Amino acid sequence: QVQVAESGGDLVQAGGSLKLSCTASGVTVDTRFMGWFRQAPEKEREGIASIDRDSKIDYADAVKGRFTISRDNAKNTLYLQMNSLNAEDSGVYLCAAAFASRWVNNPLAPTEYDYWGQGTQVSVSS
């Protein structure tokens, strides 16, 4: 059974930092596309960052230079380091994994991913 589970969300002041974790079971994080997504109230789910099996990384323009995606293969865990947070970064952050066999054309599109966690809440106070 495949499971991905996020943790690390919190309430933080603007300008602060958080590190999110996504632990996976039933899939290996280094053999497929893995992504972080954000869901804000009344907004569509948006792709934040992705990493593929060759460690090629993509970021949304809104987070470039502030967020860093990484993984620890030994722990089978994906991370998202978030710095210089602002109120627009608030939302539920979700981790997702694609089928290992999937050819992903748009790494930041939610439709490219097959397994999803429940999300972790990030709230940034201004």
C-alpha atoms as a PDB file:
ATOM      1  CA  GLN A   1       0.000   0.000   0.000  1.00  0.00           C
ATOM      2  CA  VAL A   2       1.370   3.385  -1.013  1.00  0.00           C
ATOM      3  CA  GLN A   3       1.377   6.170   1.540  1.00  0.00           C
ATOM      4  CA  VAL A   4       2.914   9.619   1.582  1.00  0.00           C
ATOM      5  CA  ALA A   5       2.623  11.701   4.714  1.00  0.00           C
ATOM      6  CA  GLU A   6       3.564  15.332   5.242  1.00  0.00           C
ATOM      7  CA  SER A   7       4.687  16.965   8.468  1.00  0.00           C
ATOM      8  CA  GLY A   8       6.292  20.167   9.674  1.00  0.00           C
ATOM      9  CA  GLY A   9       3.552  22.712   9.024  1.00  0.00           C
ATOM     10  CA  ASP A  10       3.158  25.457  11.603  1.00  0.00           C
ATOM     11  CA  LEU A  11       2.233  29.072  12.260  1.00  0.00           C
ATOM     12  CA  VAL A  12       5.198  31.325  11.527  1.00  0.00           C
ATOM     13  CA  GLN A  13       5.788  35.046  11.276  1.00  0.00           C
ATOM     14  CA  ALA A  14       6.497  36.702   7.949  1.00  0.00           C
ATOM     15  CA  GLY A  15      10.183  36.448   7.136  1.00  0.00           C
ATOM     16  CA  GLY A  16      10.520  33.181   9.006  1.00  0.00           C
ATOM     17  CA  SER A  17      11.422  29.687   7.853  1.00  0.00           C
ATOM     18  CA  LEU A  18       9.945  26.194   7.983  1.00  0.00           C
ATOM     19  CA  LYS A  19      11.071  22.793   6.780  1.00  0.00           C
ATOM     20  CA  LEU A  20       8.437  20.334   5.634  1.00  0.00           C
ATOM     21  CA  SER A  21       8.974  16.592   5.420  1.00  0.00           C
ATOM     22  CA  CYS A  22       7.230  13.925   3.370  1.00  0.00           C
ATOM     23  CA  THR A  23       7.795  10.327   4.335  1.00  0.00           C
ATOM     24  CA  ALA A  24       6.886   7.683   1.795  1.00  0.00           C
ATOM     25  CA  SER A  25       6.069   4.002   2.059  1.00  0.00           C
ATOM     26  CA  GLY A  26       5.277   1.623  -0.757  1.00  0.00           C
ATOM     27  CA  VAL A  27       7.173   3.866  -3.193  1.00  0.00           C
ATOM     28  CA  THR A  28      10.759   5.058  -3.349  1.00  0.00           C
ATOM     29  CA  VAL A  29      11.301   8.793  -3.627  1.00  0.00           C
ATOM     30  CA  ASP A  30      14.372   8.536  -5.867  1.00  0.00           C
ATOM     31  CA  THR A  31      12.820   6.444  -8.655  1.00  0.00           C
ATOM     32  CA  ARG A  32      10.077   8.814  -9.786  1.00  0.00           C
ATOM     33  CA  PHE A  33       8.905  12.404  -9.941  1.00  0.00           C
ATOM     34  CA  MET A  34       8.088  13.808  -6.501  1.00  0.00           C
ATOM     35  CA  GLY A  35       6.440  17.145  -5.944  1.00  0.00           C
ATOM     36  CA  TRP A  36       5.236  19.687  -3.420  1.00  0.00           C
ATOM     37  CA  PHE A  37       1.976  21.486  -3.988  1.00  0.00           C
ATOM     38  CA  ARG A  38       0.076  24.214  -2.211  1.00  0.00           C
ATOM     39  CA  GLN A  39      -3.673  24.584  -1.742  1.00  0.00           C
ATOM     40  CA  ALA A  40      -4.930  27.943  -0.502  1.00  0.00           C
ATOM     41  CA  PRO A  41      -8.599  28.669   0.280  1.00  0.00           C
ATOM     42  CA  GLU A  42     -10.625  29.344  -2.861  1.00  0.00           C
ATOM     43  CA  LYS A  43      -7.571  28.876  -5.062  1.00  0.00           C
ATOM     44  CA  GLU A  44      -6.544  26.074  -7.348  1.00  0.00           C
ATOM     45  CA  ARG A  45      -3.891  23.645  -6.240  1.00  0.00           C
ATOM     46  CA  GLU A  46      -0.543  24.924  -7.474  1.00  0.00           C
ATOM     47  CA  GLY A  47       2.775  23.205  -8.009  1.00  0.00           C
ATOM     48  CA  ILE A  48       5.591  24.568  -5.871  1.00  0.00           C
ATOM     49  CA  ALA A  49       8.582  22.345  -6.521  1.00  0.00           C
ATOM     50  CA  SER A  50       9.447  18.993  -8.058  1.00  0.00           C
ATOM     51  CA  ILE A  51      12.407  16.665  -8.319  1.00  0.00           C
ATOM     52  CA  ASP A  52      12.843  13.771 -10.714  1.00  0.00           C
ATOM     53  CA  ARG A  53      14.803  10.562 -10.540  1.00  0.00           C
ATOM     54  CA  ASP A  54      17.846  12.303 -12.021  1.00  0.00           C
ATOM     55  CA  SER A  55      17.583  15.094  -9.418  1.00  0.00           C
ATOM     56  CA  LYS A  56      16.398  17.633 -11.965  1.00  0.00           C
ATOM     57  CA  ILE A  57      14.488  20.285 -10.033  1.00  0.00           C
ATOM     58  CA  ASP A  58      11.747  22.709 -11.020  1.00  0.00           C
ATOM     59  CA  TYR A  59      10.315  25.570  -8.968  1.00  0.00           C
ATOM     60  CA  ALA A  60       7.326  27.821  -9.361  1.00  0.00           C
ATOM     61  CA  ASP A  61       8.382  31.399 -10.061  1.00  0.00           C
ATOM     62  CA  ALA A  62       6.747  32.544  -6.823  1.00  0.00           C
ATOM     63  CA  VAL A  63       9.156  30.510  -4.683  1.00  0.00           C
ATOM     64  CA  LYS A  64      12.406  30.549  -6.655  1.00  0.00           C
ATOM     65  CA  GLY A  65      15.301  31.636  -4.486  1.00  0.00           C
ATOM     66  CA  ARG A  66      13.298  31.081  -1.283  1.00  0.00           C
ATOM     67  CA  PHE A  67      12.296  27.400  -1.279  1.00  0.00           C
ATOM     68  CA  THR A  68      14.513  24.356  -1.704  1.00  0.00           C
ATOM     69  CA  ILE A  69      13.334  20.825  -2.475  1.00  0.00           C
ATOM     70  CA  SER A  70      15.558  17.913  -1.505  1.00  0.00           C
ATOM     71  CA  ARG A  71      15.370  14.253  -0.627  1.00  0.00           C
ATOM     72  CA  ASP A  72      17.120  11.735   1.591  1.00  0.00           C
ATOM     73  CA  ASN A  73      17.110   8.427  -0.234  1.00  0.00           C
ATOM     74  CA  ALA A  74      18.204   6.456   2.828  1.00  0.00           C
ATOM     75  CA  LYS A  75      15.219   7.790   4.777  1.00  0.00           C
ATOM     76  CA  ASN A  76      12.922   7.679   1.733  1.00  0.00           C
ATOM     77  CA  THR A  77      11.888  11.205   2.604  1.00  0.00           C
ATOM     78  CA  LEU A  78      11.275  14.367   0.612  1.00  0.00           C
ATOM     79  CA  TYR A  79      11.828  17.834   2.103  1.00  0.00           C
ATOM     80  CA  LEU A  80      10.852  21.404   1.387  1.00  0.00           C
ATOM     81  CA  GLN A  81      12.913  24.120   3.044  1.00  0.00           C
ATOM     82  CA  MET A  82      10.985  27.382   2.996  1.00  0.00           C
ATOM     83  CA  ASN A  83      12.700  30.692   3.774  1.00  0.00           C
ATOM     84  CA  SER A  84      11.570  34.310   3.724  1.00  0.00           C
ATOM     85  CA  LEU A  85       7.959  33.256   4.111  1.00  0.00           C
ATOM     86  CA  ASN A  86       5.175  35.728   3.422  1.00  0.00           C
ATOM     87  CA  ALA A  87       1.413  35.691   3.861  1.00  0.00           C
ATOM     88  CA  GLU A  88       0.886  34.519   0.273  1.00  0.00           C
ATOM     89  CA  ASP A  89       2.711  31.300   1.159  1.00  0.00           C
ATOM     90  CA  SER A  90      -0.049  30.258   3.558  1.00  0.00           C
ATOM     91  CA  GLY A  91      -2.008  27.149   2.705  1.00  0.00           C
ATOM     92  CA  VAL A  92      -2.081  23.397   2.923  1.00  0.00           C
ATOM     93  CA  TYR A  93       1.102  21.884   1.550  1.00  0.00           C
ATOM     94  CA  LEU A  94       0.808  18.492  -0.077  1.00  0.00           C
ATOM     95  CA  CYS A  95       3.376  15.971  -1.139  1.00  0.00           C
ATOM     96  CA  ALA A  96       2.781  13.869  -4.240  1.00  0.00           C
ATOM     97  CA  ALA A  97       4.420  11.012  -6.083  1.00  0.00           C
ATOM     98  CA  ALA A  98       4.042   9.970  -9.695  1.00  0.00           C
ATOM     99  CA  PHE A  99       4.004   6.423 -11.005  1.00  0.00           C
ATOM    100  CA  ALA A 100       7.612   5.393 -11.613  1.00  0.00           C
ATOM    101  CA  SER A 101       6.737   4.581 -15.223  1.00  0.00           C
ATOM    102  CA  ARG A 102       5.022   7.896 -15.910  1.00  0.00           C
ATOM    103  CA  TRP A 103       6.605  10.264 -18.407  1.00  0.00           C
ATOM    104  CA  VAL A 104       5.959  13.636 -16.793  1.00  0.00           C
ATOM    105  CA  ASN A 105       5.620  16.543 -19.221  1.00  0.00           C
ATOM    106  CA  ASN A 106       4.844  19.258 -16.701  1.00  0.00           C
ATOM    107  CA  PRO A 107       6.450  18.527 -13.327  1.00  0.00           C
ATOM    108  CA  LEU A 108       4.424  21.220 -11.549  1.00  0.00           C
ATOM    109  CA  ALA A 109       1.007  20.099 -12.819  1.00  0.00           C
ATOM    110  CA  PRO A 110      -1.075  18.263 -10.197  1.00  0.00           C
ATOM    111  CA  THR A 111      -2.513  16.010 -12.891  1.00  0.00           C
ATOM    112  CA  GLU A 112       0.895  14.402 -13.398  1.00  0.00           C
ATOM    113  CA  TYR A 113       0.876  12.866  -9.916  1.00  0.00           C
ATOM    114  CA  ASP A 114      -0.790   9.715  -8.691  1.00  0.00           C
ATOM    115  CA  TYR A 115      -0.296   9.441  -4.947  1.00  0.00           C
ATOM    116  CA  TRP A 116      -1.093  12.247  -2.539  1.00  0.00           C
ATOM    117  CA  GLY A 117      -0.708  12.912   1.146  1.00  0.00           C
ATOM    118  CA  GLN A 118      -3.289  14.598   3.339  1.00  0.00           C
ATOM    119  CA  GLY A 119      -1.314  17.816   3.634  1.00  0.00           C
ATOM    120  CA  THR A 120       0.161  19.946   6.377  1.00  0.00           C
ATOM    121  CA  GLN A 121      -0.998  23.474   7.210  1.00  0.00           C
ATOM    122  CA  VAL A 122       1.377  26.399   6.877  1.00  0.00           C
ATOM    123  CA  SER A 123       0.147  29.749   8.170  1.00  0.00           C
ATOM    124  CA  VAL A 124       2.231  32.893   7.828  1.00  0.00           C
ATOM    125  CA  SER A 125       1.247  35.907   9.916  1.00  0.00           C
ATOM    126  CA  SER A 126       2.081  39.349   8.566  1.00  0.00           C
END
